[in-house]
C-alpha atoms as a PDB file:
ATOM      1  CA  UNK A   1     -74.834  -0.207 -27.746  1.00  0.00           C
ATOM      2  CA  UNK A   2     -72.393  -2.831 -29.001  1.00  0.00           C
ATOM      3  CA  UNK A   3     -72.396  -4.552 -25.599  1.00  0.00           C
ATOM      4  CA  UNK A   4     -76.113  -5.318 -25.968  1.00  0.00           C
ATOM      5  CA  UNK A   5     -75.640  -7.601 -28.990  1.00  0.00           C
ATOM      6  CA  UNK A   6     -73.554 -10.646 -29.871  1.00  0.00           C
ATOM      7  CA  UNK A   7     -70.884 -10.189 -32.529  1.00  0.00           C
ATOM      8  CA  UNK A   8     -73.020 -12.107 -35.056  1.00  0.00           C
ATOM      9  CA  UNK A   9     -76.393 -10.639 -34.015  1.00  0.00           C
ATOM     10  CA  UNK A  10     -79.230 -10.318 -36.495  1.00  0.00           C
ATOM     11  CA  UNK A  11     -81.278  -7.128 -36.033  1.00  0.00           C
ATOM     12  CA  UNK A  12     -84.532  -6.716 -37.956  1.00  0.00           C
ATOM     13  CA  UNK A  13     -85.843  -3.127 -38.021  1.00  0.00           C
ATOM     14  CA  UNK A  14     -89.149  -4.550 -39.323  1.00  0.00           C
ATOM     15  CA  UNK A  15     -90.437  -8.133 -39.302  1.00  0.00           C
ATOM     16  CA  UNK A  16     -89.693  -9.068 -42.904  1.00  0.00           C
ATOM     17  CA  UNK A  17     -86.805  -6.734 -43.673  1.00  0.00           C
ATOM     18  CA  UNK A  18     -83.273  -7.838 -44.370  1.00  0.00           C
ATOM     19  CA  UNK A  19     -81.468  -7.916 -41.034  1.00  0.00           C
ATOM     20  CA  UNK A  20     -78.558  -5.820 -39.975  1.00  0.00           C
ATOM     21  CA  UNK A  21     -75.846  -8.321 -39.098  1.00  0.00           C
ATOM     22  CA  UNK A  22     -73.191  -7.917 -36.436  1.00  0.00           C
ATOM     23  CA  UNK A  23     -72.634  -5.228 -33.877  1.00  0.00           C
ATOM     24  CA  UNK A  24     -70.963  -2.812 -36.327  1.00  0.00           C
ATOM     25  CA  UNK A  25     -74.077  -2.611 -38.523  1.00  0.00           C
ATOM     26  CA  UNK A  26     -76.394  -2.294 -35.513  1.00  0.00           C
ATOM     27  CA  UNK A  27     -74.325   0.500 -33.968  1.00  0.00           C
ATOM     28  CA  UNK A  28     -73.996   2.322 -37.311  1.00  0.00           C
ATOM     29  CA  UNK A  29     -77.777   2.134 -37.757  1.00  0.00           C
ATOM     30  CA  UNK A  30     -78.545   3.590 -34.325  1.00  0.00           C
ATOM     31  CA  UNK A  31     -75.904   6.318 -34.560  1.00  0.00           C
ATOM     32  CA  UNK A  32     -77.326   7.229 -37.973  1.00  0.00           C
ATOM     33  CA  UNK A  33     -80.856   7.480 -36.543  1.00  0.00           C
ATOM     34  CA  UNK A  34     -79.717  10.319 -34.251  1.00  0.00           C
ATOM     35  CA  UNK A  35     -81.942   9.285 -31.337  1.00  0.00           C
ATOM     36  CA  UNK A  36     -79.119   9.857 -28.872  1.00  0.00           C
ATOM     37  CA  UNK A  37     -79.558  13.599 -29.518  1.00  0.00           C
ATOM     38  CA  UNK A  38     -83.291  13.563 -28.629  1.00  0.00           C
ATOM     39  CA  UNK A  39     -84.707  13.382 -25.075  1.00  0.00           C
ATOM     40  CA  UNK A  40     -87.071  10.451 -25.809  1.00  0.00           C
ATOM     41  CA  UNK A  41     -88.621   8.231 -23.168  1.00  0.00           C
ATOM     42  CA  UNK A  42     -89.247   4.481 -23.108  1.00  0.00           C
ATOM     43  CA  UNK A  43     -91.488   2.242 -21.028  1.00  0.00           C
ATOM     44  CA  UNK A  44     -91.516  -1.539 -21.387  1.00  0.00           C
ATOM     45  CA  UNK A  45     -92.960  -4.747 -20.040  1.00  0.00           C
ATOM     46  CA  UNK A  46     -91.762  -8.303 -20.637  1.00  0.00           C
ATOM     47  CA  UNK A  47     -94.911 -10.137 -21.737  1.00  0.00           C
ATOM     48  CA  UNK A  48     -93.574 -13.657 -22.192  1.00  0.00           C
ATOM     49  CA  UNK A  49     -90.494 -15.827 -22.157  1.00  0.00           C
ATOM     50  CA  UNK A  50     -89.884 -19.240 -23.632  1.00  0.00           C
ATOM     51  CA  UNK A  51     -86.326 -20.459 -23.259  1.00  0.00           C
ATOM     52  CA  UNK A  52     -84.054 -17.717 -24.560  1.00  0.00           C
ATOM     53  CA  UNK A  53     -86.830 -15.872 -26.462  1.00  0.00           C
ATOM     54  CA  UNK A  54     -88.472 -12.845 -24.811  1.00  0.00           C
ATOM     55  CA  UNK A  55     -91.525 -10.891 -25.965  1.00  0.00           C
ATOM     56  CA  UNK A  56     -91.365  -7.245 -24.896  1.00  0.00           C
ATOM     57  CA  UNK A  57     -94.025  -4.544 -25.249  1.00  0.00           C
ATOM     58  CA  UNK A  58     -92.722  -0.997 -25.333  1.00  0.00           C
ATOM     59  CA  UNK A  59     -93.940   2.569 -25.674  1.00  0.00           C
ATOM     60  CA  UNK A  60     -91.473   5.109 -27.050  1.00  0.00           C
ATOM     61  CA  UNK A  61     -92.326   8.809 -26.839  1.00  0.00           C
ATOM     62  CA  UNK A  62     -90.512  11.552 -28.731  1.00  0.00           C
ATOM     63  CA  UNK A  63     -91.238  15.082 -27.433  1.00  0.00           C
ATOM     64  CA  UNK A  64     -93.129  17.555 -29.581  1.00  0.00           C
ATOM     65  CA  UNK A  65     -91.041  19.175 -32.269  1.00  0.00           C
ATOM     66  CA  UNK A  66     -88.456  16.358 -32.472  1.00  0.00           C
ATOM     67  CA  UNK A  67     -90.102  14.146 -35.099  1.00  0.00           C
ATOM     68  CA  UNK A  68     -90.737  16.870 -37.626  1.00  0.00           C
ATOM     69  CA  UNK A  69     -94.235  17.565 -36.314  1.00  0.00           C
ATOM     70  CA  UNK A  70     -95.627  19.928 -33.734  1.00  0.00           C
ATOM     71  CA  UNK A  71     -96.998  17.226 -31.430  1.00  0.00           C
ATOM     72  CA  UNK A  72     -95.305  14.391 -29.589  1.00  0.00           C
ATOM     73  CA  UNK A  73     -94.908  11.104 -31.451  1.00  0.00           C
ATOM     74  CA  UNK A  74     -95.720   7.899 -29.613  1.00  0.00           C
ATOM     75  CA  UNK A  75     -94.758   4.477 -30.957  1.00  0.00           C
ATOM     76  CA  UNK A  76     -96.082   1.189 -29.617  1.00  0.00           C
ATOM     77  CA  UNK A  77     -93.681  -1.687 -30.162  1.00  0.00           C
ATOM     78  CA  UNK A  78     -93.398  -5.418 -29.755  1.00  0.00           C
ATOM     79  CA  UNK A  79     -89.902  -6.847 -29.708  1.00  0.00           C
ATOM     80  CA  UNK A  80     -88.897 -10.462 -30.094  1.00  0.00           C
ATOM     81  CA  UNK A  81     -85.501 -10.726 -28.431  1.00  0.00           C
ATOM     82  CA  UNK A  82     -83.426 -13.901 -28.418  1.00  0.00           C
ATOM     83  CA  UNK A  83     -80.662 -13.864 -25.832  1.00  0.00           C
ATOM     84  CA  UNK A  84     -77.337 -15.639 -25.865  1.00  0.00           C
ATOM     85  CA  UNK A  85     -76.258 -15.249 -22.264  1.00  0.00           C
ATOM     86  CA  UNK A  86     -76.758 -11.584 -21.434  1.00  0.00           C
ATOM     87  CA  UNK A  87     -76.592 -10.307 -25.031  1.00  0.00           C
ATOM     88  CA  UNK A  88     -79.125 -10.334 -27.856  1.00  0.00           C
ATOM     89  CA  UNK A  89     -78.365 -12.648 -30.757  1.00  0.00           C
ATOM     90  CA  UNK A  90     -81.554 -11.743 -32.603  1.00  0.00           C
ATOM     91  CA  UNK A  91     -83.861  -8.739 -32.347  1.00  0.00           C
ATOM     92  CA  UNK A  92     -87.077  -8.286 -34.350  1.00  0.00           C
ATOM     93  CA  UNK A  93     -89.076  -5.084 -33.992  1.00  0.00           C
ATOM     94  CA  UNK A  94     -92.767  -4.553 -34.757  1.00  0.00           C
ATOM     95  CA  UNK A  95     -93.894  -0.963 -34.277  1.00  0.00           C
ATOM     96  CA  UNK A  96     -96.829   1.294 -34.912  1.00  0.00           C
ATOM     97  CA  UNK A  97     -97.220   5.057 -34.635  1.00  0.00           C
ATOM     98  CA  UNK A  98    -100.093   5.927 -32.296  1.00  0.00           C
ATOM     99  CA  UNK A  99    -102.606   8.371 -33.720  1.00  0.00           C
END
C-alpha cells in the first residue's frame, strides 16, 4: 500500500474531509478498515486525464454478510488521483452506496 503513494501524499476519504497525510497515515487507515480480510471485488475505468490528474470510476462489491448486512454491498466511486511519477500524491474519493 505504501508504494502506491508519495511520502507526502494527501488522501481524502471524502471530498471535504481533512486529508490523511503521508504514507504512514494512509496505510494505518487501510489496515484499520480491515478490508484485506474480506474477499471484495473491484472494477474500474479511467474516465479522463488532464496532465497528472486522472478521473477514475469504480465499483466495489463486498460479499453478503461482510458489511454487517445479509445482502452484498455495492459502492459506486469516483476518484480524483493526482500522480507524481508512478505514485499518487493526492487522492480524493467520492462514493455512494447502491440501493
